[in-house]
Amino acid sequence: MGLGNFHIGIMGNLFSGKTTLMNALAADPYRSELQSLLGGAETYAFTERVEKGSLTDECLALFYQDRVANIFPTETAFLHMRVLQQREIRHLMTREQRESVLILEDRPFLDGPEVFVKRMIEAGEMPPAHARLYHTLFYQTLHHERIRLPDLTVYLRTEPSLLETRRRKRAESGDSYAQ
């Protein structure tokens, strides 16, 4: 008998290795081990879906042009994108089924305020009024949408010098968001 449904969220700064860890957990041998612990759970992996031409993509492009002016609309767009993803996760975790479900999520719902927005506030790049409004929207959404937080959250702490090395490497390989 397994644990039933289980949700693992992976948080951390850009280039900390979140997607790499999630992909490793979603593949064998780790997937098989997790599935056996959970009684044969079906595995679903979720990453941020920033589709070309989407509102989030447009806001992100503006953010890279002027971080301070565009942090609030960009994070609001990401909040909306995460709500849509949370609805999918909630559906998988609450549907009537015979088998357990394992959710692996790169950048779970709390990642916005607890990692990125927090860092922008501390750096003075998000004005206090925008920070208060973002947190108000975030917590209202958390309550209204009945967001189910992960059962286990992993935070990848990475030294800034390693983050910069990884960013440069990704930029050299053509990642437009790493430019």
N, C-alpha and C. Protein backbone atom coordinates (compact mmCIF):
# COMPACT_ATOMS: atom_id res chain seq x y z
N MET A 1 0.85 -1.19 0.00
CA MET A 1 0.00 0.00 0.00
C MET A 1 0.89 1.24 0.00
N GLY A 2 0.63 2.17 -0.88
CA GLY A 2 1.44 3.38 -1.00
C GLY A 2 0.86 4.53 -0.20
N LEU A 3 1.45 5.67 -0.40
CA LEU A 3 1.04 6.88 0.31
C LEU A 3 -0.17 7.57 -0.31
N GLY A 4 -0.58 7.18 -1.49
CA GLY A 4 -1.65 7.89 -2.20
C GLY A 4 -1.06 8.97 -3.08
N ASN A 5 -1.83 10.02 -3.32
CA ASN A 5 -1.34 11.13 -4.15
C ASN A 5 -0.23 11.88 -3.43
N PHE A 6 0.74 12.34 -4.21
CA PHE A 6 1.86 13.09 -3.62
C PHE A 6 2.32 14.14 -4.61
N HIS A 7 2.64 15.32 -4.09
CA HIS A 7 3.00 16.48 -4.91
C HIS A 7 4.35 17.00 -4.42
N ILE A 8 5.34 17.02 -5.31
CA ILE A 8 6.67 17.55 -4.99
C ILE A 8 6.86 18.84 -5.78
N GLY A 9 7.16 19.94 -5.08
CA GLY A 9 7.45 21.22 -5.71
C GLY A 9 8.93 21.52 -5.60
N ILE A 10 9.52 22.05 -6.67
CA ILE A 10 10.94 22.37 -6.69
C ILE A 10 11.10 23.86 -6.92
N MET A 11 11.72 24.54 -5.94
CA MET A 11 11.88 25.99 -5.99
C MET A 11 13.36 26.36 -6.04
N GLY A 12 13.65 27.58 -6.51
CA GLY A 12 15.01 28.09 -6.53
C GLY A 12 15.13 29.21 -7.54
N ASN A 13 16.27 29.87 -7.53
CA ASN A 13 16.52 30.96 -8.46
C ASN A 13 16.66 30.44 -9.89
N LEU A 14 16.59 31.38 -10.84
CA LEU A 14 16.85 31.03 -12.24
C LEU A 14 18.21 30.36 -12.34
N PHE A 15 18.29 29.28 -13.09
CA PHE A 15 19.52 28.54 -13.36
C PHE A 15 20.04 27.75 -12.15
N SER A 16 19.18 27.48 -11.16
CA SER A 16 19.62 26.72 -9.99
C SER A 16 19.55 25.21 -10.21
N GLY A 17 18.85 24.77 -11.26
CA GLY A 17 18.78 23.35 -11.57
C GLY A 17 17.41 22.72 -11.31
N LYS A 18 16.38 23.55 -11.19
CA LYS A 18 15.03 23.05 -10.90
C LYS A 18 14.53 22.08 -11.97
N THR A 19 14.62 22.50 -13.22
CA THR A 19 14.12 21.66 -14.31
C THR A 19 14.96 20.39 -14.44
N THR A 20 16.26 20.51 -14.24
CA THR A 20 17.14 19.34 -14.29
C THR A 20 16.74 18.32 -13.23
N LEU A 21 16.50 18.79 -12.00
CA LEU A 21 16.08 17.88 -10.93
C LEU A 21 14.72 17.27 -11.25
N MET A 22 13.78 18.09 -11.70
CA MET A 22 12.45 17.58 -12.01
C MET A 22 12.52 16.50 -13.10
N ASN A 23 13.29 16.77 -14.15
CA ASN A 23 13.43 15.79 -15.23
C ASN A 23 14.08 14.50 -14.74
N ALA A 24 15.05 14.61 -13.83
CA ALA A 24 15.69 13.42 -13.27
C ALA A 24 14.68 12.60 -12.45
N LEU A 25 13.87 13.28 -11.64
CA LEU A 25 12.87 12.57 -10.83
C LEU A 25 11.77 11.94 -11.69
N ALA A 26 11.52 12.52 -12.86
CA ALA A 26 10.47 12.02 -13.76
C ALA A 26 10.95 10.86 -14.63
N ALA A 27 12.25 10.54 -14.55
CA ALA A 27 12.82 9.46 -15.36
C ALA A 27 13.35 8.35 -14.44
N ASP A 28 13.51 7.17 -15.01
CA ASP A 28 14.08 6.07 -14.23
C ASP A 28 15.55 6.32 -13.98
N PRO A 29 16.08 5.90 -12.85
CA PRO A 29 15.51 5.00 -11.85
C PRO A 29 14.65 5.70 -10.78
N TYR A 30 14.74 7.03 -10.69
CA TYR A 30 14.02 7.74 -9.62
C TYR A 30 12.51 7.60 -9.74
N ARG A 31 11.99 7.71 -10.96
CA ARG A 31 10.54 7.60 -11.15
C ARG A 31 10.03 6.26 -10.65
N SER A 32 10.71 5.18 -11.00
CA SER A 32 10.29 3.84 -10.57
C SER A 32 10.28 3.72 -9.05
N GLU A 33 11.31 4.27 -8.41
CA GLU A 33 11.37 4.22 -6.94
C GLU A 33 10.22 5.00 -6.32
N LEU A 34 9.98 6.21 -6.83
CA LEU A 34 8.88 7.03 -6.30
C LEU A 34 7.53 6.35 -6.55
N GLN A 35 7.37 5.78 -7.74
CA GLN A 35 6.11 5.10 -8.06
C GLN A 35 5.87 3.91 -7.13
N SER A 36 6.93 3.17 -6.82
CA SER A 36 6.74 2.01 -5.94
C SER A 36 6.39 2.46 -4.52
N LEU A 37 6.96 3.57 -4.06
CA LEU A 37 6.60 4.12 -2.75
C LEU A 37 5.14 4.55 -2.70
N LEU A 38 4.64 5.00 -3.84
CA LEU A 38 3.27 5.53 -3.92
C LEU A 38 2.28 4.53 -4.50
N GLY A 39 2.64 3.27 -4.48
CA GLY A 39 1.70 2.25 -4.94
C GLY A 39 1.43 2.28 -6.43
N GLY A 40 2.45 2.54 -7.24
CA GLY A 40 2.28 2.55 -8.69
C GLY A 40 1.71 3.84 -9.25
N ALA A 41 1.98 4.94 -8.60
CA ALA A 41 1.41 6.24 -9.00
C ALA A 41 1.78 6.62 -10.43
N GLU A 42 0.79 7.20 -11.12
CA GLU A 42 1.06 7.82 -12.42
C GLU A 42 1.84 9.10 -12.15
N THR A 43 2.87 9.38 -12.96
CA THR A 43 3.71 10.56 -12.75
C THR A 43 3.39 11.63 -13.77
N TYR A 44 3.22 12.85 -13.29
CA TYR A 44 2.97 14.02 -14.14
C TYR A 44 3.99 15.09 -13.77
N ALA A 45 4.69 15.61 -14.78
CA ALA A 45 5.67 16.67 -14.55
C ALA A 45 5.13 17.98 -15.12
N PHE A 46 5.25 19.04 -14.34
CA PHE A 46 4.78 20.37 -14.74
C PHE A 46 5.93 21.36 -14.68
N THR A 47 6.13 22.08 -15.77
CA THR A 47 7.10 23.18 -15.80
C THR A 47 6.35 24.45 -16.17
N GLU A 48 7.01 25.59 -15.95
CA GLU A 48 6.39 26.85 -16.38
C GLU A 48 6.22 26.79 -17.89
N ARG A 49 5.03 27.15 -18.34
CA ARG A 49 4.74 27.13 -19.77
C ARG A 49 4.67 28.56 -20.28
N VAL A 50 5.80 29.06 -20.73
CA VAL A 50 5.83 30.40 -21.31
C VAL A 50 5.84 30.19 -22.82
N GLU A 51 4.65 30.20 -23.40
CA GLU A 51 4.52 29.96 -24.83
C GLU A 51 4.81 31.22 -25.62
N LYS A 52 5.49 31.05 -26.74
CA LYS A 52 5.83 32.18 -27.61
C LYS A 52 4.58 32.96 -27.96
N GLY A 53 4.63 34.28 -27.76
CA GLY A 53 3.52 35.14 -28.10
C GLY A 53 2.44 35.24 -27.04
N SER A 54 2.58 34.48 -25.94
CA SER A 54 1.58 34.55 -24.87
C SER A 54 1.75 35.84 -24.08
N LEU A 55 0.76 36.14 -23.26
CA LEU A 55 0.83 37.33 -22.41
C LEU A 55 2.06 37.27 -21.50
N THR A 56 2.32 36.10 -20.93
CA THR A 56 3.49 35.95 -20.06
C THR A 56 4.77 36.20 -20.84
N ASP A 57 4.86 35.68 -22.05
CA ASP A 57 6.04 35.88 -22.90
C ASP A 57 6.23 37.36 -23.22
N GLU A 58 5.15 38.05 -23.55
CA GLU A 58 5.24 39.49 -23.85
C GLU A 58 5.69 40.28 -22.62
N CYS A 59 5.13 39.96 -21.46
CA CYS A 59 5.52 40.66 -20.22
C CYS A 59 6.98 40.36 -19.87
N LEU A 60 7.40 39.12 -20.08
CA LEU A 60 8.78 38.75 -19.79
C LEU A 60 9.75 39.52 -20.68
N ALA A 61 9.41 39.69 -21.95
CA ALA A 61 10.26 40.47 -22.86
C ALA A 61 10.37 41.91 -22.37
N LEU A 62 9.25 42.49 -21.92
CA LEU A 62 9.28 43.86 -21.38
C LEU A 62 10.10 43.92 -20.09
N PHE A 63 10.00 42.88 -19.27
CA PHE A 63 10.77 42.82 -18.03
C PHE A 63 12.27 42.88 -18.32
N TYR A 64 12.71 42.14 -19.33
CA TYR A 64 14.14 42.14 -19.65
C TYR A 64 14.60 43.47 -20.24
N GLN A 65 13.67 44.27 -20.76
CA GLN A 65 14.02 45.61 -21.25
C GLN A 65 14.14 46.59 -20.09
N ASP A 66 13.25 46.48 -19.09
CA ASP A 66 13.25 47.40 -17.94
C ASP A 66 12.66 46.66 -16.75
N ARG A 67 13.56 46.08 -15.95
CA ARG A 67 13.14 45.25 -14.81
C ARG A 67 12.22 45.99 -13.85
N VAL A 68 12.63 47.17 -13.42
CA VAL A 68 11.88 47.90 -12.39
C VAL A 68 10.48 48.27 -12.87
N ALA A 69 10.39 48.78 -14.09
CA ALA A 69 9.08 49.21 -14.60
C ALA A 69 8.14 48.04 -14.87
N ASN A 70 8.70 46.87 -15.14
CA ASN A 70 7.85 45.76 -15.60
C ASN A 70 7.79 44.55 -14.67
N ILE A 71 8.36 44.65 -13.48
CA ILE A 71 8.31 43.51 -12.56
C ILE A 71 6.87 43.17 -12.15
N PHE A 72 6.06 44.18 -11.84
CA PHE A 72 4.70 43.91 -11.37
C PHE A 72 3.84 43.24 -12.44
N PRO A 73 3.74 43.80 -13.65
CA PRO A 73 2.91 43.11 -14.65
C PRO A 73 3.45 41.73 -15.01
N THR A 74 4.77 41.57 -15.00
CA THR A 74 5.35 40.27 -15.32
C THR A 74 4.97 39.23 -14.27
N GLU A 75 5.13 39.58 -13.01
CA GLU A 75 4.79 38.62 -11.95
C GLU A 75 3.29 38.36 -11.88
N THR A 76 2.48 39.36 -12.24
CA THR A 76 1.03 39.15 -12.29
C THR A 76 0.68 38.17 -13.41
N ALA A 77 1.37 38.28 -14.55
CA ALA A 77 1.15 37.33 -15.66
C ALA A 77 1.57 35.92 -15.24
N PHE A 78 2.70 35.80 -14.52
CA PHE A 78 3.14 34.50 -14.04
C PHE A 78 2.15 33.93 -13.01
N LEU A 79 1.60 34.79 -12.17
CA LEU A 79 0.59 34.35 -11.20
C LEU A 79 -0.61 33.75 -11.94
N HIS A 80 -1.06 34.42 -12.97
CA HIS A 80 -2.19 33.90 -13.77
C HIS A 80 -1.83 32.55 -14.39
N MET A 81 -0.63 32.44 -14.96
CA MET A 81 -0.19 31.19 -15.58
C MET A 81 -0.15 30.07 -14.54
N ARG A 82 0.35 30.38 -13.33
CA ARG A 82 0.43 29.35 -12.28
C ARG A 82 -0.96 28.92 -11.80
N VAL A 83 -1.92 29.84 -11.79
CA VAL A 83 -3.30 29.48 -11.41
C VAL A 83 -3.84 28.44 -12.39
N LEU A 84 -3.64 28.67 -13.68
CA LEU A 84 -4.12 27.71 -14.68
C LEU A 84 -3.47 26.35 -14.47
N GLN A 85 -2.18 26.35 -14.17
CA GLN A 85 -1.47 25.09 -13.92
C GLN A 85 -2.00 24.42 -12.65
N GLN A 86 -2.27 25.20 -11.62
CA GLN A 86 -2.79 24.63 -10.37
C GLN A 86 -4.16 23.99 -10.58
N ARG A 87 -4.95 24.55 -11.47
CA ARG A 87 -6.25 23.94 -11.77
C ARG A 87 -6.06 22.55 -12.37
N GLU A 88 -5.07 22.41 -13.26
CA GLU A 88 -4.78 21.09 -13.85
C GLU A 88 -4.33 20.12 -12.77
N ILE A 89 -3.45 20.59 -11.89
CA ILE A 89 -2.94 19.73 -10.81
C ILE A 89 -4.08 19.32 -9.88
N ARG A 90 -4.92 20.26 -9.51
CA ARG A 90 -6.05 19.95 -8.62
C ARG A 90 -6.95 18.89 -9.27
N HIS A 91 -7.20 19.03 -10.57
CA HIS A 91 -8.02 18.04 -11.28
C HIS A 91 -7.39 16.65 -11.18
N LEU A 92 -6.09 16.56 -11.43
CA LEU A 92 -5.41 15.26 -11.37
C LEU A 92 -5.45 14.67 -9.97
N MET A 93 -5.31 15.52 -8.96
CA MET A 93 -5.21 15.03 -7.59
C MET A 93 -6.58 14.72 -6.96
N THR A 94 -7.66 15.22 -7.55
CA THR A 94 -8.98 15.02 -6.93
C THR A 94 -9.92 14.15 -7.75
N ARG A 95 -9.54 13.82 -8.97
CA ARG A 95 -10.44 13.01 -9.79
C ARG A 95 -10.58 11.61 -9.19
N GLU A 96 -11.68 10.98 -9.50
CA GLU A 96 -11.88 9.61 -9.03
C GLU A 96 -10.97 8.70 -9.85
N GLN A 97 -10.19 7.92 -9.14
CA GLN A 97 -9.22 7.07 -9.84
C GLN A 97 -8.87 5.88 -8.96
N ARG A 98 -8.30 4.91 -9.59
CA ARG A 98 -7.86 3.74 -8.83
C ARG A 98 -6.40 3.86 -8.45
N GLU A 99 -5.63 4.58 -9.26
CA GLU A 99 -4.20 4.69 -9.00
C GLU A 99 -3.85 6.03 -8.38
N SER A 100 -2.73 6.03 -7.67
CA SER A 100 -2.21 7.25 -7.07
C SER A 100 -1.61 8.13 -8.16
N VAL A 101 -1.41 9.40 -7.82
CA VAL A 101 -0.82 10.37 -8.73
C VAL A 101 0.38 11.00 -8.05
N LEU A 102 1.49 11.09 -8.79
CA LEU A 102 2.69 11.80 -8.34
C LEU A 102 2.83 13.03 -9.22
N ILE A 103 2.81 14.21 -8.60
CA ILE A 103 3.00 15.46 -9.33
C ILE A 103 4.40 15.96 -9.03
N LEU A 104 5.17 16.24 -10.08
CA LEU A 104 6.48 16.88 -9.97
C LEU A 104 6.33 18.25 -10.60
N GLU A 105 6.62 19.30 -9.83
CA GLU A 105 6.35 20.65 -10.32
C GLU A 105 7.57 21.55 -10.18
N ASP A 106 8.03 22.06 -11.31
CA ASP A 106 9.10 23.05 -11.38
C ASP A 106 8.44 24.42 -11.15
N ARG A 107 8.85 25.12 -10.13
CA ARG A 107 8.31 26.43 -9.75
C ARG A 107 6.85 26.34 -9.30
N PRO A 108 6.61 25.78 -8.12
CA PRO A 108 5.24 25.69 -7.62
C PRO A 108 4.67 27.07 -7.29
N PHE A 109 3.44 27.09 -6.87
CA PHE A 109 2.70 28.34 -6.68
C PHE A 109 3.41 29.34 -5.77
N LEU A 110 4.04 28.88 -4.70
CA LEU A 110 4.71 29.79 -3.77
C LEU A 110 6.03 30.33 -4.29
N ASP A 111 6.53 29.82 -5.39
CA ASP A 111 7.83 30.24 -5.90
C ASP A 111 7.86 31.72 -6.25
N GLY A 112 6.78 32.25 -6.83
CA GLY A 112 6.75 33.67 -7.18
C GLY A 112 7.03 34.57 -6.00
N PRO A 113 6.17 34.52 -4.96
CA PRO A 113 6.38 35.44 -3.84
C PRO A 113 7.57 35.08 -2.95
N GLU A 114 7.86 33.80 -2.81
CA GLU A 114 8.90 33.38 -1.86
C GLU A 114 10.31 33.40 -2.43
N VAL A 115 10.45 33.43 -3.73
CA VAL A 115 11.79 33.45 -4.32
C VAL A 115 11.98 34.72 -5.13
N PHE A 116 11.29 34.82 -6.26
CA PHE A 116 11.58 35.90 -7.20
C PHE A 116 11.13 37.27 -6.69
N VAL A 117 9.87 37.40 -6.30
CA VAL A 117 9.36 38.70 -5.84
C VAL A 117 10.10 39.12 -4.57
N LYS A 118 10.35 38.18 -3.69
CA LYS A 118 11.09 38.49 -2.46
C LYS A 118 12.46 39.08 -2.78
N ARG A 119 13.15 38.47 -3.74
CA ARG A 119 14.47 38.98 -4.13
C ARG A 119 14.37 40.36 -4.76
N MET A 120 13.34 40.59 -5.56
CA MET A 120 13.15 41.91 -6.20
C MET A 120 12.84 42.98 -5.16
N ILE A 121 12.07 42.64 -4.14
CA ILE A 121 11.75 43.59 -3.07
C ILE A 121 13.02 43.91 -2.29
N GLU A 122 13.77 42.87 -1.92
CA GLU A 122 15.01 43.07 -1.15
C GLU A 122 16.02 43.91 -1.92
N ALA A 123 16.04 43.77 -3.25
CA ALA A 123 16.98 44.53 -4.08
C ALA A 123 16.47 45.95 -4.35
N GLY A 124 15.26 46.26 -3.90
CA GLY A 124 14.70 47.58 -4.14
C GLY A 124 14.18 47.77 -5.56
N GLU A 125 14.00 46.66 -6.30
CA GLU A 125 13.55 46.74 -7.69
C GLU A 125 12.03 46.67 -7.83
N MET A 126 11.32 46.38 -6.73
CA MET A 126 9.86 46.41 -6.77
C MET A 126 9.42 47.43 -5.72
N PRO A 127 8.72 48.48 -6.15
CA PRO A 127 8.27 49.50 -5.20
C PRO A 127 7.36 48.88 -4.13
N PRO A 128 7.42 49.41 -2.90
CA PRO A 128 6.61 48.85 -1.80
C PRO A 128 5.11 48.76 -2.13
N ALA A 129 4.55 49.75 -2.81
CA ALA A 129 3.12 49.69 -3.15
C ALA A 129 2.83 48.53 -4.09
N HIS A 130 3.72 48.29 -5.06
CA HIS A 130 3.54 47.15 -5.97
C HIS A 130 3.67 45.84 -5.21
N ALA A 131 4.62 45.79 -4.27
CA ALA A 131 4.82 44.57 -3.47
C ALA A 131 3.57 44.26 -2.65
N ARG A 132 2.99 45.27 -2.02
CA ARG A 132 1.77 45.05 -1.22
C ARG A 132 0.62 44.59 -2.11
N LEU A 133 0.47 45.23 -3.27
CA LEU A 133 -0.61 44.85 -4.18
C LEU A 133 -0.40 43.42 -4.69
N TYR A 134 0.83 43.07 -5.06
CA TYR A 134 1.11 41.71 -5.52
C TYR A 134 0.76 40.70 -4.43
N HIS A 135 1.21 40.94 -3.21
CA HIS A 135 0.92 40.01 -2.12
C HIS A 135 -0.58 39.90 -1.84
N THR A 136 -1.30 41.02 -1.95
CA THR A 136 -2.75 40.99 -1.78
C THR A 136 -3.39 40.10 -2.85
N LEU A 137 -3.01 40.32 -4.11
CA LEU A 137 -3.53 39.49 -5.21
C LEU A 137 -3.17 38.02 -5.01
N PHE A 138 -1.93 37.78 -4.62
CA PHE A 138 -1.44 36.42 -4.44
C PHE A 138 -2.27 35.68 -3.38
N TYR A 139 -2.40 36.29 -2.20
CA TYR A 139 -3.10 35.59 -1.11
C TYR A 139 -4.60 35.48 -1.36
N GLN A 140 -5.19 36.45 -2.04
CA GLN A 140 -6.60 36.31 -2.42
C GLN A 140 -6.76 35.15 -3.40
N THR A 141 -5.84 35.04 -4.34
CA THR A 141 -5.88 33.95 -5.32
C THR A 141 -5.67 32.60 -4.64
N LEU A 142 -4.71 32.54 -3.73
CA LEU A 142 -4.43 31.31 -2.99
C LEU A 142 -5.69 30.82 -2.29
N HIS A 143 -6.41 31.73 -1.66
CA HIS A 143 -7.64 31.37 -0.94
C HIS A 143 -8.79 31.06 -1.90
N HIS A 144 -9.03 31.96 -2.84
CA HIS A 144 -10.18 31.82 -3.75
C HIS A 144 -10.08 30.58 -4.64
N GLU A 145 -8.89 30.29 -5.12
CA GLU A 145 -8.69 29.15 -6.03
C GLU A 145 -8.49 27.83 -5.29
N ARG A 146 -8.45 27.88 -3.95
CA ARG A 146 -8.22 26.67 -3.15
C ARG A 146 -6.96 25.94 -3.62
N ILE A 147 -5.88 26.69 -3.70
CA ILE A 147 -4.61 26.12 -4.15
C ILE A 147 -4.13 25.09 -3.13
N ARG A 148 -3.76 23.94 -3.62
CA ARG A 148 -3.21 22.88 -2.77
C ARG A 148 -1.70 22.95 -2.90
N LEU A 149 -1.03 23.28 -1.81
CA LEU A 149 0.43 23.41 -1.84
C LEU A 149 1.07 22.02 -1.86
N PRO A 150 2.32 21.93 -2.36
CA PRO A 150 2.99 20.62 -2.43
C PRO A 150 3.10 19.94 -1.06
N ASP A 151 3.14 18.61 -1.09
CA ASP A 151 3.37 17.84 0.13
C ASP A 151 4.83 17.95 0.55
N LEU A 152 5.70 18.11 -0.43
CA LEU A 152 7.13 18.25 -0.18
C LEU A 152 7.65 19.35 -1.10
N THR A 153 8.36 20.32 -0.53
CA THR A 153 8.96 21.38 -1.34
C THR A 153 10.47 21.30 -1.18
N VAL A 154 11.17 21.28 -2.30
CA VAL A 154 12.63 21.26 -2.31
C VAL A 154 13.09 22.63 -2.79
N TYR A 155 13.96 23.28 -2.01
CA TYR A 155 14.53 24.56 -2.42
C TYR A 155 16.00 24.33 -2.77
N LEU A 156 16.36 24.66 -4.00
CA LEU A 156 17.74 24.49 -4.45
C LEU A 156 18.51 25.79 -4.20
N ARG A 157 19.37 25.76 -3.22
CA ARG A 157 20.20 26.92 -2.91
C ARG A 157 21.46 26.83 -3.78
N THR A 158 21.75 27.89 -4.49
CA THR A 158 22.88 27.89 -5.42
C THR A 158 23.65 29.18 -5.26
N GLU A 159 24.96 29.08 -5.24
CA GLU A 159 25.82 30.26 -5.12
C GLU A 159 25.63 31.16 -6.34
N PRO A 160 25.61 32.49 -6.12
CA PRO A 160 25.43 33.43 -7.24
C PRO A 160 26.43 33.25 -8.37
N SER A 161 27.68 32.92 -8.05
CA SER A 161 28.68 32.74 -9.11
C SER A 161 28.33 31.56 -10.01
N LEU A 162 27.79 30.48 -9.43
CA LEU A 162 27.38 29.33 -10.23
C LEU A 162 26.15 29.66 -11.07
N LEU A 163 25.22 30.43 -10.50
CA LEU A 163 24.04 30.86 -11.27
C LEU A 163 24.48 31.65 -12.50
N GLU A 164 25.44 32.55 -12.32
CA GLU A 164 25.92 33.38 -13.44
C GLU A 164 26.63 32.52 -14.48
N THR A 165 27.42 31.55 -14.05
CA THR A 165 28.10 30.64 -14.98
C THR A 165 27.06 29.88 -15.81
N ARG A 166 26.03 29.37 -15.15
CA ARG A 166 24.98 28.63 -15.86
C ARG A 166 24.20 29.54 -16.80
N ARG A 167 23.95 30.79 -16.38
CA ARG A 167 23.23 31.74 -17.23
C ARG A 167 24.02 31.99 -18.51
N ARG A 168 25.33 32.25 -18.36
CA ARG A 168 26.16 32.51 -19.54
C ARG A 168 26.18 31.31 -20.49
N LYS A 169 26.29 30.13 -19.92
CA LYS A 169 26.30 28.91 -20.73
C LYS A 169 25.00 28.76 -21.52
N ARG A 170 23.87 29.02 -20.87
CA ARG A 170 22.57 28.93 -21.54
C ARG A 170 22.44 30.01 -22.62
N ALA A 171 22.94 31.21 -22.34
CA ALA A 171 22.89 32.30 -23.33
C ALA A 171 23.71 31.93 -24.56
N GLU A 172 24.88 31.33 -24.34
CA GLU A 172 25.74 30.92 -25.46
C GLU A 172 25.07 29.83 -26.30
N SER A 173 24.22 29.02 -25.67
CA SER A 173 23.55 27.95 -26.42
C SER A 173 22.26 28.43 -27.08
N GLY A 174 21.97 29.76 -26.97
CA GLY A 174 20.83 30.32 -27.69
C GLY A 174 19.58 30.56 -26.88
N ASP A 175 19.63 30.36 -25.56
CA ASP A 175 18.45 30.61 -24.71
C ASP A 175 18.22 32.11 -24.63
N SER A 176 17.14 32.59 -25.26
CA SER A 176 16.88 34.03 -25.33
C SER A 176 16.59 34.62 -23.95
N TYR A 177 16.04 33.83 -23.02
CA TYR A 177 15.75 34.34 -21.68
C TYR A 177 17.01 34.47 -20.83
N ALA A 178 18.11 33.86 -21.27
CA ALA A 178 19.35 33.93 -20.50
C ALA A 178 20.25 35.06 -20.98
N GLN A 179 19.83 35.80 -22.00
CA GLN A 179 20.67 36.86 -22.58
C GLN A 179 21.03 37.90 -21.60
